[in-house]
Protein backbone atom coordinates (compact mmCIF):
# COMPACT_ATOMS: atom_id res chain seq x y z
CA MET A 1 72.84 -152.76 90.34
CA SER A 2 75.95 -151.80 92.31
CA ASN A 3 76.78 -148.27 93.41
CA ARG A 4 80.34 -148.86 92.24
CA PRO A 5 81.33 -147.17 88.97
CA PHE A 6 83.02 -150.36 87.74
CA GLU A 7 83.12 -154.08 88.41
CA THR A 8 85.95 -155.69 90.35
CA ASN A 9 88.52 -157.14 87.97
CA TYR A 10 89.28 -160.40 89.76
CA ALA A 11 91.31 -161.61 86.80
CA GLY A 12 93.57 -158.57 87.08
CA ALA A 13 93.99 -159.02 90.83
CA ILE A 14 94.81 -162.70 90.39
CA TYR A 15 97.25 -161.92 87.60
CA GLY A 16 98.93 -159.22 89.69
CA THR A 17 99.27 -161.53 92.67
CA ILE A 18 100.82 -164.30 90.59
CA LEU A 19 103.11 -161.79 88.89
CA SER A 20 104.23 -160.49 92.27
CA MET A 21 104.86 -164.01 93.58
CA ALA A 22 106.93 -164.83 90.51
CA VAL A 23 108.99 -161.63 90.82
CA VAL A 24 109.61 -162.18 94.54
CA THR A 25 110.65 -165.77 93.87
CA THR A 26 112.98 -164.86 91.02
CA VAL A 27 114.52 -161.66 92.38
CA SER A 28 115.12 -163.19 95.81
CA LYS A 29 117.69 -165.52 94.22
CA ASP A 30 120.09 -162.56 94.14
CA PRO A 31 121.82 -162.73 97.55
CA GLU A 32 122.81 -159.07 97.35
CA LEU A 33 119.21 -157.86 97.34
CA GLY A 34 117.48 -157.34 100.65
CA ALA A 35 113.77 -157.49 101.35
CA LEU A 36 113.29 -153.76 100.73
CA ALA A 37 114.88 -153.97 97.27
CA ILE A 38 112.85 -157.07 96.42
CA ALA A 39 109.65 -155.29 97.45
CA GLY A 40 110.68 -152.31 95.31
CA TRP A 41 111.41 -154.45 92.25
CA THR A 42 108.13 -156.27 92.72
CA ALA A 43 106.09 -153.07 92.95
CA ALA A 44 107.94 -151.51 90.00
CA THR A 45 107.33 -154.59 87.86
CA ALA A 46 103.63 -154.53 88.71
CA PHE A 47 103.40 -150.87 87.78
CA VAL A 48 105.14 -151.46 84.43
CA PHE A 49 102.74 -154.32 83.64
CA PHE A 50 99.83 -152.08 84.69
CA LEU A 51 100.99 -149.40 82.26
CA ALA A 52 101.43 -151.97 79.48
CA HIS A 53 97.97 -153.46 80.04
CA THR A 54 96.36 -150.02 80.27
CA TYR A 55 98.06 -148.92 77.06
CA ALA A 56 96.99 -152.15 75.33
CA ASP A 57 93.38 -151.59 76.43
CA VAL A 58 93.43 -148.03 75.05
CA VAL A 59 94.95 -149.14 71.75
CA ALA A 60 92.54 -152.10 71.49
CA ALA A 61 89.63 -149.69 71.90
CA GLY A 62 90.87 -147.92 68.80
CA PHE A 63 92.43 -144.55 68.77
CA ALA A 64 89.38 -142.72 70.00
CA ARG A 65 88.63 -139.19 69.01
CA PRO A 66 90.26 -136.78 71.48
CA ARG A 67 86.91 -136.20 73.20
CA GLU A 68 86.55 -139.94 73.84
CA ALA A 69 90.20 -140.67 74.63
CA LYS A 70 89.99 -139.46 78.24
CA GLU A 71 87.03 -141.72 79.01
CA VAL A 72 88.70 -144.70 77.31
CA ALA A 73 91.89 -144.12 79.31
CA ILE A 74 90.04 -143.72 82.62
CA ASN A 75 88.09 -146.94 82.01
CA ALA A 76 91.31 -148.78 81.13
CA ILE A 77 93.00 -147.52 84.31
CA ARG A 78 90.02 -148.62 86.41
CA LYS A 79 89.97 -152.00 84.72
CA GLU A 80 93.69 -152.68 85.17
CA TRP A 81 94.30 -151.16 88.63
CA PRO A 82 93.37 -154.40 90.47
CA MET A 83 96.52 -155.91 88.93
CA VAL A 84 98.57 -153.43 90.95
CA GLN A 85 96.48 -153.97 94.06
CA GLY A 86 96.90 -157.75 93.86
CA SER A 87 100.64 -157.47 93.34
CA LEU A 88 101.24 -155.04 96.19
CA ILE A 89 100.05 -157.44 98.88
CA PRO A 90 102.95 -159.91 98.50
CA ALA A 91 105.32 -156.98 97.94
CA ALA A 92 104.13 -155.40 101.18
CA ALA A 93 104.71 -158.69 102.99
CA MET A 94 108.40 -158.35 102.07
CA LEU A 95 108.45 -155.15 104.15
CA LEU A 96 107.92 -157.13 107.34
CA ALA A 97 111.67 -157.88 107.34
CA PRO A 98 113.00 -154.30 107.23
CA ILE A 99 110.72 -153.32 110.11
CA GLY A 100 111.99 -156.28 112.13
CA LEU A 101 108.88 -158.47 112.35
CA ILE A 102 110.47 -161.37 110.44
CA SER A 103 113.94 -162.28 109.25
CA GLU A 104 115.28 -161.45 105.78
CA ASN A 105 115.40 -165.20 105.04
CA SER A 106 111.74 -165.65 105.96
CA ALA A 107 110.46 -162.65 103.98
CA THR A 108 110.31 -164.42 100.62
CA TYR A 109 108.39 -167.35 102.07
CA VAL A 110 105.98 -165.05 103.87
CA ALA A 111 105.43 -163.01 100.67
CA VAL A 112 104.71 -166.11 98.58
CA LEU A 113 102.46 -167.58 101.27
CA THR A 114 100.64 -164.24 101.47
CA GLY A 115 100.13 -164.42 97.70
CA VAL A 116 98.68 -167.91 98.01
CA VAL A 117 96.27 -166.67 100.70
CA VAL A 118 95.23 -163.79 98.42
CA LEU A 119 94.63 -166.23 95.55
CA PHE A 120 92.57 -168.46 97.84
CA ALA A 121 90.52 -165.45 99.03
CA ALA A 122 89.96 -164.30 95.44
CA GLY A 123 88.65 -167.75 94.55
CA VAL A 124 86.25 -167.67 97.50
CA ALA A 125 85.14 -164.14 96.54
CA ILE A 126 84.47 -165.25 92.97
CA GLY A 127 82.41 -168.17 94.25
CA SER A 128 80.52 -165.83 96.58
CA ARG A 129 79.80 -163.41 93.74
CA GLN A 130 78.26 -166.32 91.86
CA ASN A 131 76.26 -167.41 94.94
CA LEU A 132 77.86 -170.85 94.98
CA SER A 133 77.76 -173.16 97.98
CA TRP A 134 80.55 -172.83 100.55
CA GLY A 135 81.98 -176.15 99.41
CA ARG A 136 82.31 -174.88 95.85
CA ARG A 137 83.72 -171.54 97.06
CA ILE A 138 86.41 -173.34 99.06
CA THR A 139 87.16 -175.63 96.11
CA ILE A 140 87.62 -172.66 93.78
CA GLY A 141 89.86 -171.01 96.39
CA LEU A 142 91.97 -174.16 96.74
CA ILE A 143 92.32 -174.54 92.97
CA ASN A 144 93.28 -170.88 92.69
CA ALA A 145 95.93 -171.26 95.41
CA ALA A 146 97.26 -174.48 93.84
CA ILE A 147 97.64 -172.80 90.47
CA GLY A 148 99.55 -169.98 92.18
CA PHE A 149 101.92 -172.55 93.70
CA LEU A 150 102.28 -174.26 90.32
CA ILE A 151 103.16 -171.04 88.51
CA VAL A 152 105.76 -170.13 91.13
CA ALA A 153 107.20 -173.67 90.93
CA LEU A 154 107.45 -173.40 87.14
CA LYS A 155 109.15 -170.03 87.50
CA ILE A 156 111.69 -171.51 89.90
CA PHE A 157 112.48 -174.45 87.63
CA VAL A 158 112.60 -172.41 84.41
CA HIS A 159 115.00 -169.85 85.85
C-alpha cells in the first residue's frame, strides 16, 4: 500500500495536457496575443475545467450531509488536481518566449511538443505502474502521444 493519501489520476493529467494543447493551438491563432497571454488563457481554462470537474464530482456524490461535504469536496479536489498539473506544463512552456529563451513564433510549437512529451511520459508511467515490459510501455507512450497529436489536429481543422 502506498503512503500517498490518494492515487495518481493519470486520466486527469492526460486530459489536462490535451486540453492545454488544444487551447494553445486555438488561442495562438489570434495574432494580437503574445505568449504570456496565451499561457494565461491556457492556465485559466484549465482552472475553470478543474472547478467544473470538481463540482461535478461533488454533485455526483450526492449532496452529502454538511459533515460529509468537506471530505467529499477534498477528495474531489485531490482527484481532479492532476488535470491542472497536466495543463500547466504546456502553458509554462509558452513562458519561454517572454523570458527570451525562444521566439514568440516558436512558443506555440514548443508548448505543443512539450504536451506530446508529457503524454508520452504518462503512457510510459501507466505501463510502469502495471509492470509491463519496456516495449509495451514505449508503445503505450507512443499511442498516447499520437492521440494527443490527433486531437490537436482535429482542433485545428474544426476551428
